Amino acid sequence: MLNRDTVRRKLEDLRELGFREEEVRSLIKRFPEVLGISENKLRQNFKFLVEEWKLPRNAILSNPAALHYSIEKRLKPRLNAFRALMMNKSLEKSMSYPPVRYLSMSEKDFHTKVVGRFAA
């Protein structure tokens, strides 16, 4: 159970990342586990998603679990896969979901629906 001070700090961390009050509430409602993410991981993941994945804040709001994923085990490998696959110009035109949705796919689905489909 999180104490009041911890929750207050998490709310402040989210505001410092640029989320407005109503966005913070929405984010917590969609993914309450965000309150358990360390400040360091929260900032690192947010920065990686915005700077490397080029995701707008509203994309992160639509899939806040992305703030919890491992950079080394999920975010970087999927970004690298997308970069390699983007050489195939048909990928971008045939993507059925916004990029943030591909982050939440299981490894099996990601490899089946993305890598296996476009790597050929």
C-alpha atoms as a PDB file:
ATOM      1  CA  MET A   1       0.000   0.000   0.000  1.00  0.00           C
ATOM      2  CA  LEU A   2       1.339   3.405  -0.953  1.00  0.00           C
ATOM      3  CA  ASN A   3       1.359   6.084   1.684  1.00  0.00           C
ATOM      4  CA  ARG A   4       0.020   9.576   1.131  1.00  0.00           C
ATOM      5  CA  ASP A   5       3.462  11.165   0.688  1.00  0.00           C
ATOM      6  CA  THR A   6       4.433   8.621  -1.968  1.00  0.00           C
ATOM      7  CA  VAL A   7       1.230   9.257  -3.906  1.00  0.00           C
ATOM      8  CA  ARG A   8       1.758  13.013  -3.636  1.00  0.00           C
ATOM      9  CA  ARG A   9       5.307  12.654  -5.013  1.00  0.00           C
ATOM     10  CA  LYS A  10       4.083  10.487  -7.907  1.00  0.00           C
ATOM     11  CA  LEU A  11       1.428  13.036  -8.809  1.00  0.00           C
ATOM     12  CA  GLU A  12       4.085  15.741  -8.754  1.00  0.00           C
ATOM     13  CA  ASP A  13       6.412  13.619 -10.923  1.00  0.00           C
ATOM     14  CA  LEU A  14       3.677  13.186 -13.528  1.00  0.00           C
ATOM     15  CA  ARG A  15       2.917  16.911 -13.536  1.00  0.00           C
ATOM     16  CA  GLU A  16       6.623  17.676 -13.960  1.00  0.00           C
ATOM     17  CA  LEU A  17       6.596  15.489 -17.080  1.00  0.00           C
ATOM     18  CA  GLY A  18       4.018  17.873 -18.510  1.00  0.00           C
ATOM     19  CA  PHE A  19       0.783  16.041 -17.778  1.00  0.00           C
ATOM     20  CA  ARG A  20      -2.122  18.295 -16.839  1.00  0.00           C
ATOM     21  CA  GLU A  21      -4.259  17.503 -13.805  1.00  0.00           C
ATOM     22  CA  GLU A  22      -7.027  15.800 -15.806  1.00  0.00           C
ATOM     23  CA  GLU A  23      -4.410  13.794 -17.735  1.00  0.00           C
ATOM     24  CA  VAL A  24      -2.832  12.625 -14.471  1.00  0.00           C
ATOM     25  CA  ARG A  25      -6.239  11.419 -13.264  1.00  0.00           C
ATOM     26  CA  SER A  26      -6.892   9.661 -16.571  1.00  0.00           C
ATOM     27  CA  LEU A  27      -3.463   8.046 -16.566  1.00  0.00           C
ATOM     28  CA  ILE A  28      -3.922   6.716 -13.025  1.00  0.00           C
ATOM     29  CA  LYS A  29      -7.426   5.497 -13.803  1.00  0.00           C
ATOM     30  CA  ARG A  30      -6.190   3.597 -16.873  1.00  0.00           C
ATOM     31  CA  PHE A  31      -3.000   2.290 -15.253  1.00  0.00           C
ATOM     32  CA  PRO A  32      -2.949   2.654 -11.455  1.00  0.00           C
ATOM     33  CA  GLU A  33       0.340   0.751 -11.380  1.00  0.00           C
ATOM     34  CA  VAL A  34       1.994   3.981 -12.528  1.00  0.00           C
ATOM     35  CA  LEU A  35       1.983   5.016  -8.873  1.00  0.00           C
ATOM     36  CA  GLY A  36       4.414   2.180  -8.140  1.00  0.00           C
ATOM     37  CA  ILE A  37       6.962   3.098 -10.820  1.00  0.00           C
ATOM     38  CA  SER A  38      10.117   4.673  -9.443  1.00  0.00           C
ATOM     39  CA  GLU A  39      10.693   8.327 -10.273  1.00  0.00           C
ATOM     40  CA  ASN A  40      13.867   7.421 -12.168  1.00  0.00           C
ATOM     41  CA  LYS A  41      12.193   4.746 -14.307  1.00  0.00           C
ATOM     42  CA  LEU A  42       9.192   6.979 -14.958  1.00  0.00           C
ATOM     43  CA  ARG A  43      11.414   9.804 -16.215  1.00  0.00           C
ATOM     44  CA  GLN A  44      13.691   7.518 -18.247  1.00  0.00           C
ATOM     45  CA  ASN A  45      10.804   5.738 -19.940  1.00  0.00           C
ATOM     46  CA  PHE A  46       8.936   8.960 -20.650  1.00  0.00           C
ATOM     47  CA  LYS A  47      12.069  10.485 -22.167  1.00  0.00           C
ATOM     48  CA  PHE A  48      12.735   7.371 -24.263  1.00  0.00           C
ATOM     49  CA  LEU A  49       9.157   7.215 -25.547  1.00  0.00           C
ATOM     50  CA  VAL A  50       9.112  10.906 -26.462  1.00  0.00           C
ATOM     51  CA  GLU A  51      12.647  11.301 -27.805  1.00  0.00           C
ATOM     52  CA  GLU A  52      13.345   7.922 -29.390  1.00  0.00           C
ATOM     53  CA  TRP A  53       9.883   6.652 -30.306  1.00  0.00           C
ATOM     54  CA  LYS A  54       8.743  10.224 -31.093  1.00  0.00           C
ATOM     55  CA  LEU A  55       5.447   9.599 -29.315  1.00  0.00           C
ATOM     56  CA  PRO A  56       3.275  12.550 -28.369  1.00  0.00           C
ATOM     57  CA  ARG A  57       2.070  12.766 -24.780  1.00  0.00           C
ATOM     58  CA  ASN A  58      -1.480  11.789 -25.806  1.00  0.00           C
ATOM     59  CA  ALA A  59      -0.160   8.491 -27.238  1.00  0.00           C
ATOM     60  CA  ILE A  60       1.386   7.707 -23.864  1.00  0.00           C
ATOM     61  CA  LEU A  61      -1.910   8.597 -22.202  1.00  0.00           C
ATOM     62  CA  SER A  62      -3.677   6.085 -24.436  1.00  0.00           C
ATOM     63  CA  ASN A  63      -1.257   3.331 -23.373  1.00  0.00           C
ATOM     64  CA  PRO A  64       0.261   4.352 -20.029  1.00  0.00           C
ATOM     65  CA  ALA A  65       1.590   0.836 -19.389  1.00  0.00           C
ATOM     66  CA  ALA A  66       4.405   1.811 -21.772  1.00  0.00           C
ATOM     67  CA  LEU A  67       5.834   3.828 -18.883  1.00  0.00           C
ATOM     68  CA  HIS A  68       6.367   0.562 -17.031  1.00  0.00           C
ATOM     69  CA  TYR A  69       8.066  -1.493 -19.759  1.00  0.00           C
ATOM     70  CA  SER A  70      11.760  -2.256 -19.641  1.00  0.00           C
ATOM     71  CA  ILE A  71      13.762  -0.032 -21.961  1.00  0.00           C
ATOM     72  CA  GLU A  72      16.351  -2.745 -22.567  1.00  0.00           C
ATOM     73  CA  LYS A  73      13.978  -5.709 -22.871  1.00  0.00           C
ATOM     74  CA  ARG A  74      11.019  -4.189 -24.724  1.00  0.00           C
ATOM     75  CA  LEU A  75      11.253  -0.560 -25.796  1.00  0.00           C
ATOM     76  CA  LYS A  76      14.679  -0.602 -27.490  1.00  0.00           C
ATOM     77  CA  PRO A  77      14.265  -3.983 -29.210  1.00  0.00           C
ATOM     78  CA  ARG A  78      10.898  -2.996 -30.654  1.00  0.00           C
ATOM     79  CA  LEU A  79      12.198   0.378 -31.754  1.00  0.00           C
ATOM     80  CA  ASN A  80      15.136  -1.332 -33.461  1.00  0.00           C
ATOM     81  CA  ALA A  81      12.760  -3.779 -35.159  1.00  0.00           C
ATOM     82  CA  PHE A  82      10.601  -0.905 -36.390  1.00  0.00           C
ATOM     83  CA  ARG A  83      13.604   1.009 -37.679  1.00  0.00           C
ATOM     84  CA  ALA A  84      14.816  -2.037 -39.587  1.00  0.00           C
ATOM     85  CA  LEU A  85      11.355  -2.729 -40.955  1.00  0.00           C
ATOM     86  CA  MET A  86      10.770   0.910 -41.925  1.00  0.00           C
ATOM     87  CA  MET A  87      13.245   0.361 -44.743  1.00  0.00           C
ATOM     88  CA  ASN A  88      10.317  -1.523 -46.242  1.00  0.00           C
ATOM     89  CA  LYS A  89       8.172   1.482 -47.192  1.00  0.00           C
ATOM     90  CA  SER A  90       5.003  -0.622 -47.282  1.00  0.00           C
ATOM     91  CA  LEU A  91       5.201  -1.121 -43.508  1.00  0.00           C
ATOM     92  CA  GLU A  92       4.190   2.414 -42.621  1.00  0.00           C
ATOM     93  CA  LYS A  93       1.241   2.369 -45.025  1.00  0.00           C
ATOM     94  CA  SER A  94      -0.058  -0.959 -43.766  1.00  0.00           C
ATOM     95  CA  MET A  95       0.341  -0.467 -40.015  1.00  0.00           C
ATOM     96  CA  SER A  96      -3.077  -1.113 -38.525  1.00  0.00           C
ATOM     97  CA  TYR A  97      -2.411   0.457 -35.132  1.00  0.00           C
ATOM     98  CA  PRO A  98      -0.650   3.538 -33.852  1.00  0.00           C
ATOM     99  CA  PRO A  99       2.959   2.670 -32.871  1.00  0.00           C
ATOM    100  CA  VAL A 100       2.237   2.782 -29.131  1.00  0.00           C
ATOM    101  CA  ARG A 101      -0.156  -0.169 -29.512  1.00  0.00           C
ATOM    102  CA  TYR A 102       2.672  -2.345 -30.770  1.00  0.00           C
ATOM    103  CA  LEU A 103       4.460  -1.805 -27.471  1.00  0.00           C
ATOM    104  CA  SER A 104       1.689  -3.517 -25.525  1.00  0.00           C
ATOM    105  CA  MET A 105       1.536  -6.596 -27.758  1.00  0.00           C
ATOM    106  CA  SER A 106       2.909  -9.818 -26.354  1.00  0.00           C
ATOM    107  CA  GLU A 107       6.224 -10.942 -27.819  1.00  0.00           C
ATOM    108  CA  LYS A 108       4.444 -13.673 -29.760  1.00  0.00           C
ATOM    109  CA  ASP A 109       1.893 -11.277 -31.272  1.00  0.00           C
ATOM    110  CA  PHE A 110       4.553  -8.690 -32.073  1.00  0.00           C
ATOM    111  CA  HIS A 111       6.654 -11.225 -33.938  1.00  0.00           C
ATOM    112  CA  THR A 112       3.650 -12.732 -35.705  1.00  0.00           C
ATOM    113  CA  LYS A 113       1.798  -9.535 -36.624  1.00  0.00           C
ATOM    114  CA  VAL A 114       4.741  -7.246 -37.268  1.00  0.00           C
ATOM    115  CA  VAL A 115       8.136  -8.866 -37.660  1.00  0.00           C
ATOM    116  CA  GLY A 116       6.978 -12.038 -39.401  1.00  0.00           C
ATOM    117  CA  ARG A 117       4.589 -10.154 -41.642  1.00  0.00           C
ATOM    118  CA  PHE A 118       7.012  -7.521 -42.895  1.00  0.00           C
ATOM    119  CA  ALA A 119      10.460  -9.076 -42.555  1.00  0.00           C
ATOM    120  CA  ALA A 120      10.106 -11.209 -45.656  1.00  0.00           C
END
